[in-house]
């Protein structure tokens, strides 16, 4: 387990079944309302969002990012810590 995935998230956002750009848009809106240091867990099954747009957004913002792929479900648990 990584550093972020071992923490209890402050909030969980379920974007399962949503395709780009919705996971990114909803993640941005949720993070805007969160405080510095809080961790958001995003449940996502859109490969383009999980492997491209969300990591790029987090990096651009300077947020900590960790992705855990659930092979069996074909989804990701994405952890983003707002700075």
C-alpha atoms as a PDB file:
ATOM      1  CA  UNK A   1       0.000   0.000   0.000  1.00  0.00           C
ATOM      2  CA  UNK A   2       1.131   3.489  -0.767  1.00  0.00           C
ATOM      3  CA  UNK A   3       1.301   6.547   1.412  1.00  0.00           C
ATOM      4  CA  UNK A   4      -2.085   8.005   0.418  1.00  0.00           C
ATOM      5  CA  UNK A   5      -4.023   4.760   0.007  1.00  0.00           C
ATOM      6  CA  UNK A   6      -3.145   3.784   3.572  1.00  0.00           C
ATOM      7  CA  UNK A   7      -4.903   6.912   4.878  1.00  0.00           C
ATOM      8  CA  UNK A   8      -8.622   7.185   5.508  1.00  0.00           C
ATOM      9  CA  UNK A   9      -9.962   9.555   2.846  1.00  0.00           C
ATOM     10  CA  UNK A  10     -11.776  12.688   4.005  1.00  0.00           C
ATOM     11  CA  UNK A  11     -14.214  12.308   1.128  1.00  0.00           C
ATOM     12  CA  UNK A  12     -15.065   9.712  -1.555  1.00  0.00           C
ATOM     13  CA  UNK A  13     -16.277  10.592  -5.043  1.00  0.00           C
ATOM     14  CA  UNK A  14     -17.922   7.850  -7.127  1.00  0.00           C
ATOM     15  CA  UNK A  15     -17.627   8.509 -10.866  1.00  0.00           C
ATOM     16  CA  UNK A  16     -18.092   4.873 -11.927  1.00  0.00           C
ATOM     17  CA  UNK A  17     -19.874   4.689 -15.271  1.00  0.00           C
ATOM     18  CA  UNK A  18     -18.947   8.274 -16.171  1.00  0.00           C
ATOM     19  CA  UNK A  19     -16.730   9.047 -19.152  1.00  0.00           C
ATOM     20  CA  UNK A  20     -14.447  12.004 -19.886  1.00  0.00           C
ATOM     21  CA  UNK A  21     -14.678  14.815 -19.082  1.00  0.00           C
ATOM     22  CA  UNK A  22     -17.062  14.145 -16.163  1.00  0.00           C
ATOM     23  CA  UNK A  23     -14.620  12.390 -13.787  1.00  0.00           C
ATOM     24  CA  UNK A  24     -12.170  15.294 -14.108  1.00  0.00           C
ATOM     25  CA  UNK A  25     -14.836  18.011 -13.821  1.00  0.00           C
ATOM     26  CA  UNK A  26     -16.440  16.413 -10.756  1.00  0.00           C
ATOM     27  CA  UNK A  27     -13.027  15.797  -9.152  1.00  0.00           C
ATOM     28  CA  UNK A  28     -12.036  19.457  -9.651  1.00  0.00           C
ATOM     29  CA  UNK A  29     -15.316  20.693  -8.128  1.00  0.00           C
ATOM     30  CA  UNK A  30     -14.970  18.386  -5.135  1.00  0.00           C
ATOM     31  CA  UNK A  31     -11.340  19.340  -4.486  1.00  0.00           C
ATOM     32  CA  UNK A  32     -12.205  23.057  -4.643  1.00  0.00           C
ATOM     33  CA  UNK A  33     -14.457  22.568  -1.606  1.00  0.00           C
ATOM     34  CA  UNK A  34     -11.872  20.589   0.364  1.00  0.00           C
ATOM     35  CA  UNK A  35      -9.235  21.940   2.712  1.00  0.00           C
ATOM     36  CA  UNK A  36      -5.479  21.761   2.361  1.00  0.00           C
ATOM     37  CA  UNK A  37      -4.074  18.376   3.401  1.00  0.00           C
ATOM     38  CA  UNK A  38      -7.374  16.540   2.931  1.00  0.00           C
ATOM     39  CA  UNK A  39      -7.479  13.344   0.879  1.00  0.00           C
ATOM     40  CA  UNK A  40     -10.075  12.621  -1.809  1.00  0.00           C
ATOM     41  CA  UNK A  41     -10.691   9.049  -2.971  1.00  0.00           C
ATOM     42  CA  UNK A  42     -12.110   8.831  -6.497  1.00  0.00           C
ATOM     43  CA  UNK A  43     -13.736   5.589  -7.688  1.00  0.00           C
ATOM     44  CA  UNK A  44     -13.249   5.565 -11.457  1.00  0.00           C
ATOM     45  CA  UNK A  45     -13.640   3.035 -14.280  1.00  0.00           C
ATOM     46  CA  UNK A  46     -12.759   5.314 -17.215  1.00  0.00           C
ATOM     47  CA  UNK A  47      -9.195   4.456 -18.329  1.00  0.00           C
ATOM     48  CA  UNK A  48      -8.622   7.844 -20.005  1.00  0.00           C
ATOM     49  CA  UNK A  49      -9.484   9.648 -16.784  1.00  0.00           C
ATOM     50  CA  UNK A  50      -7.672   7.293 -14.408  1.00  0.00           C
ATOM     51  CA  UNK A  51      -4.474   7.034 -16.446  1.00  0.00           C
ATOM     52  CA  UNK A  52      -4.288  10.434 -18.124  1.00  0.00           C
ATOM     53  CA  UNK A  53      -6.463  13.410 -17.198  1.00  0.00           C
ATOM     54  CA  UNK A  54      -6.639  12.958 -13.409  1.00  0.00           C
ATOM     55  CA  UNK A  55      -2.891  12.325 -12.899  1.00  0.00           C
ATOM     56  CA  UNK A  56      -2.028  15.277 -15.172  1.00  0.00           C
ATOM     57  CA  UNK A  57      -4.434  17.561 -13.321  1.00  0.00           C
ATOM     58  CA  UNK A  58      -3.046  16.553  -9.915  1.00  0.00           C
ATOM     59  CA  UNK A  59       0.539  17.066 -11.095  1.00  0.00           C
ATOM     60  CA  UNK A  60      -0.274  20.467 -12.577  1.00  0.00           C
ATOM     61  CA  UNK A  61      -1.876  21.554  -9.286  1.00  0.00           C
ATOM     62  CA  UNK A  62       0.998  20.180  -7.207  1.00  0.00           C
ATOM     63  CA  UNK A  63      -1.282  17.694  -5.426  1.00  0.00           C
ATOM     64  CA  UNK A  64      -0.079  14.294  -4.199  1.00  0.00           C
ATOM     65  CA  UNK A  65      -1.527  11.521  -6.359  1.00  0.00           C
ATOM     66  CA  UNK A  66      -1.781   7.766  -6.057  1.00  0.00           C
ATOM     67  CA  UNK A  67      -3.693   5.295  -8.190  1.00  0.00           C
ATOM     68  CA  UNK A  68      -4.575   1.719  -7.230  1.00  0.00           C
ATOM     69  CA  UNK A  69      -5.953  -0.445 -10.037  1.00  0.00           C
ATOM     70  CA  UNK A  70      -8.554  -3.082  -9.155  1.00  0.00           C
ATOM     71  CA  UNK A  71      -7.932  -5.627 -11.907  1.00  0.00           C
ATOM     72  CA  UNK A  72     -10.966  -7.748 -11.036  1.00  0.00           C
ATOM     73  CA  UNK A  73     -13.444  -4.858 -11.287  1.00  0.00           C
ATOM     74  CA  UNK A  74     -11.634  -3.002 -14.084  1.00  0.00           C
ATOM     75  CA  UNK A  75     -11.619   0.172 -12.007  1.00  0.00           C
ATOM     76  CA  UNK A  76      -9.263   2.400 -10.058  1.00  0.00           C
ATOM     77  CA  UNK A  77      -9.167   3.838  -6.570  1.00  0.00           C
ATOM     78  CA  UNK A  78      -7.508   7.196  -7.047  1.00  0.00           C
ATOM     79  CA  UNK A  79      -6.211   9.142  -4.070  1.00  0.00           C
ATOM     80  CA  UNK A  80      -5.510  12.864  -4.360  1.00  0.00           C
ATOM     81  CA  UNK A  81      -4.229  14.947  -1.464  1.00  0.00           C
ATOM     82  CA  UNK A  82      -4.882  18.650  -1.787  1.00  0.00           C
ATOM     83  CA  UNK A  83      -1.943  20.857  -0.879  1.00  0.00           C
END
